[in-house]
Protein backbone atom coordinates (compact mmCIF):
# COMPACT_ATOMS: atom_id res chain seq x y z
CA TYR A 1 -24.45 7.63 14.52
CA PHE A 2 -26.43 7.03 17.70
CA VAL A 3 -25.44 8.41 21.08
CA ALA A 4 -27.02 6.84 24.15
CA ALA A 5 -29.21 9.61 25.48
CA ILE A 6 -31.49 7.65 27.76
CA LEU A 7 -31.37 8.37 31.49
CA LEU A 8 -33.13 6.42 34.24
CA ALA A 9 -34.22 8.11 37.47
CA SER A 10 -35.08 5.73 40.31
CA ARG A 11 -36.16 6.43 43.88
CA VAL A 12 -34.53 4.62 46.82
CA THR A 13 -37.19 2.59 48.65
CA GLY A 14 -35.03 0.84 51.23
CA VAL A 15 -31.51 0.75 52.71
CA ARG A 16 -30.28 -1.90 55.10
CA ALA A 17 -27.07 -3.31 56.45
CA MET A 18 -26.78 -7.07 56.16
CA PRO A 19 -25.94 -8.45 59.62
CA GLU A 20 -24.54 -11.74 58.32
CA ARG A 21 -22.02 -10.10 55.98
CA PRO A 22 -20.37 -6.69 55.68
CA MET A 23 -22.54 -5.20 52.95
CA TYR A 24 -25.52 -2.94 52.36
CA ILE A 25 -28.58 -3.51 50.19
CA VAL A 26 -30.17 -0.46 48.54
CA ASN A 27 -33.59 -1.14 46.99
CA LEU A 28 -34.87 0.97 44.10
CA ASP A 29 -38.37 1.49 42.70
CA ALA A 30 -37.16 0.66 39.18
CA SER A 31 -36.25 -2.80 37.97
CA LYS A 32 -33.28 -3.82 35.87
CA GLU A 33 -35.20 -6.94 34.89
CA CYS A 34 -38.37 -5.07 33.84
CA HIS A 35 -37.04 -1.73 32.61
CA LEU A 36 -33.40 -2.22 31.58
CA LYS A 37 -33.15 -5.58 29.87
CA TRP A 38 -29.90 -5.83 27.84
CA THR A 39 -28.44 -2.73 29.51
CA ALA A 40 -25.45 -2.36 31.84
CA PRO A 41 -26.39 0.94 33.51
CA ASN A 42 -23.79 3.31 34.94
CA PHE A 43 -24.36 5.55 37.91
CA VAL A 44 -24.46 9.27 37.34
CA ILE A 45 -22.33 10.12 40.38
CA SER A 46 -23.42 13.19 42.33
CA ALA A 47 -21.00 15.85 43.58
CA GLU A 48 -21.67 14.66 47.15
CA VAL A 49 -20.60 11.10 46.33
CA LYS A 50 -17.54 12.29 44.38
CA ALA A 51 -16.47 14.42 47.36
CA ALA A 52 -16.96 11.47 49.74
CA GLN A 53 -14.89 9.23 47.44
CA ALA A 54 -12.12 11.83 47.24
CA SER A 55 -12.02 12.28 51.03
CA GLY A 56 -10.67 8.77 51.47
CA GLY A 57 -13.48 7.76 53.84
CA GLU A 58 -14.65 4.20 54.32
CA GLN A 59 -16.00 2.46 51.20
CA VAL A 60 -18.46 -0.38 51.82
CA PRO A 61 -19.85 -3.04 49.47
CA VAL A 62 -23.36 -2.15 48.29
CA MET A 63 -25.77 -4.03 46.09
CA PHE A 64 -28.37 -1.90 44.31
CA GLY A 65 -31.40 -4.12 43.78
CA GLY A 66 -34.50 -3.65 41.67
CA ALA A 67 -38.15 -3.74 42.65
CA ALA A 68 -39.06 -7.13 41.17
CA CYS A 69 -38.14 -9.25 44.23
CA PHE A 70 -36.23 -11.49 41.85
CA GLU A 71 -32.68 -12.56 42.67
CA MET A 72 -31.35 -11.49 39.27
CA ASP A 73 -32.86 -7.98 39.52
CA VAL A 74 -29.60 -6.25 40.42
CA PHE A 75 -28.52 -2.91 38.96
CA LYS A 76 -24.98 -2.99 40.25
CA ALA A 77 -22.80 -4.28 43.06
CA THR A 78 -20.03 -1.86 43.91
CA TYR A 79 -18.15 -0.11 46.70
CA TRP A 80 -19.82 3.09 47.90
CA PRO A 81 -18.69 5.74 50.40
CA LEU A 82 -20.40 5.04 53.73
CA GLN A 83 -20.77 8.76 54.49
CA ALA A 84 -22.75 9.23 51.23
CA MET A 85 -24.99 6.17 51.59
CA PRO A 86 -28.30 6.81 49.79
CA LYS A 87 -31.34 7.41 51.97
CA ILE A 88 -34.95 6.38 51.44
CA GLY A 89 -36.52 8.88 49.05
CA ASP A 90 -33.25 9.85 47.31
CA ILE A 91 -33.27 9.69 43.54
CA LEU A 92 -30.40 7.92 41.81
CA TYR A 93 -29.67 8.38 38.12
CA PHE A 94 -28.28 5.86 35.65
CA ASP A 95 -27.05 6.49 32.12
CA SER A 96 -25.81 4.29 29.27
CA ILE A 97 -29.31 2.90 28.83
CA ASN A 98 -29.60 1.28 25.41
CA SER A 99 -32.58 1.86 23.13
CA TYR A 100 -33.71 -1.78 23.29
CA SER A 101 -34.64 -1.22 26.93
CA LEU A 102 -37.47 1.08 25.83
CA SER A 103 -39.10 -1.67 23.81
CA TRP A 104 -38.63 -4.20 26.62
CA ASN A 105 -40.34 -1.99 29.26
CA THR A 106 -42.49 -4.66 30.95
CA SER A 107 -44.26 -5.19 34.22
CA PHE A 108 -43.37 -8.27 36.22
CA ASN A 109 -44.17 -9.33 39.75
CA GLY A 110 -46.18 -6.17 40.45
CA VAL A 111 -43.59 -3.69 39.14
CA PRO A 112 -45.34 -1.01 37.05
CA LEU A 113 -44.12 -0.01 33.61
CA ALA A 114 -41.46 2.71 33.60
CA GLN A 115 -42.80 6.16 32.79
CA LEU A 116 -41.17 7.51 29.65
CA LYS A 117 -40.57 11.22 29.16
CA TYR A 118 -39.17 12.57 25.92
CA VAL A 119 -37.14 15.78 26.13
CA LYS A 120 -35.90 17.75 23.15
């Protein structure tokens, strides 16, 4: 019996509001296309974000994009609490990474290979 025990940590490299539509784009230094092929990652939601969600504050559409500058390199599109919007340098965590992603760890379009760390 296998339990998904792979976690991805990715640093936020950019955050911007889209002037032509009501949404935000958050860029990450990891790439779904290069590092998470065949995976549908889930956010590991921080206490700060959970508190912001519970407060009933404004939720805005956010697309979390990967580093490959490729239109299909999208981690997730979701609603996110505006008051807990990630900032450049923040680290976001994703779980539910399947084991095939480790073997697919590739570089594409200048994105370096993901660093793998094994923890017992």
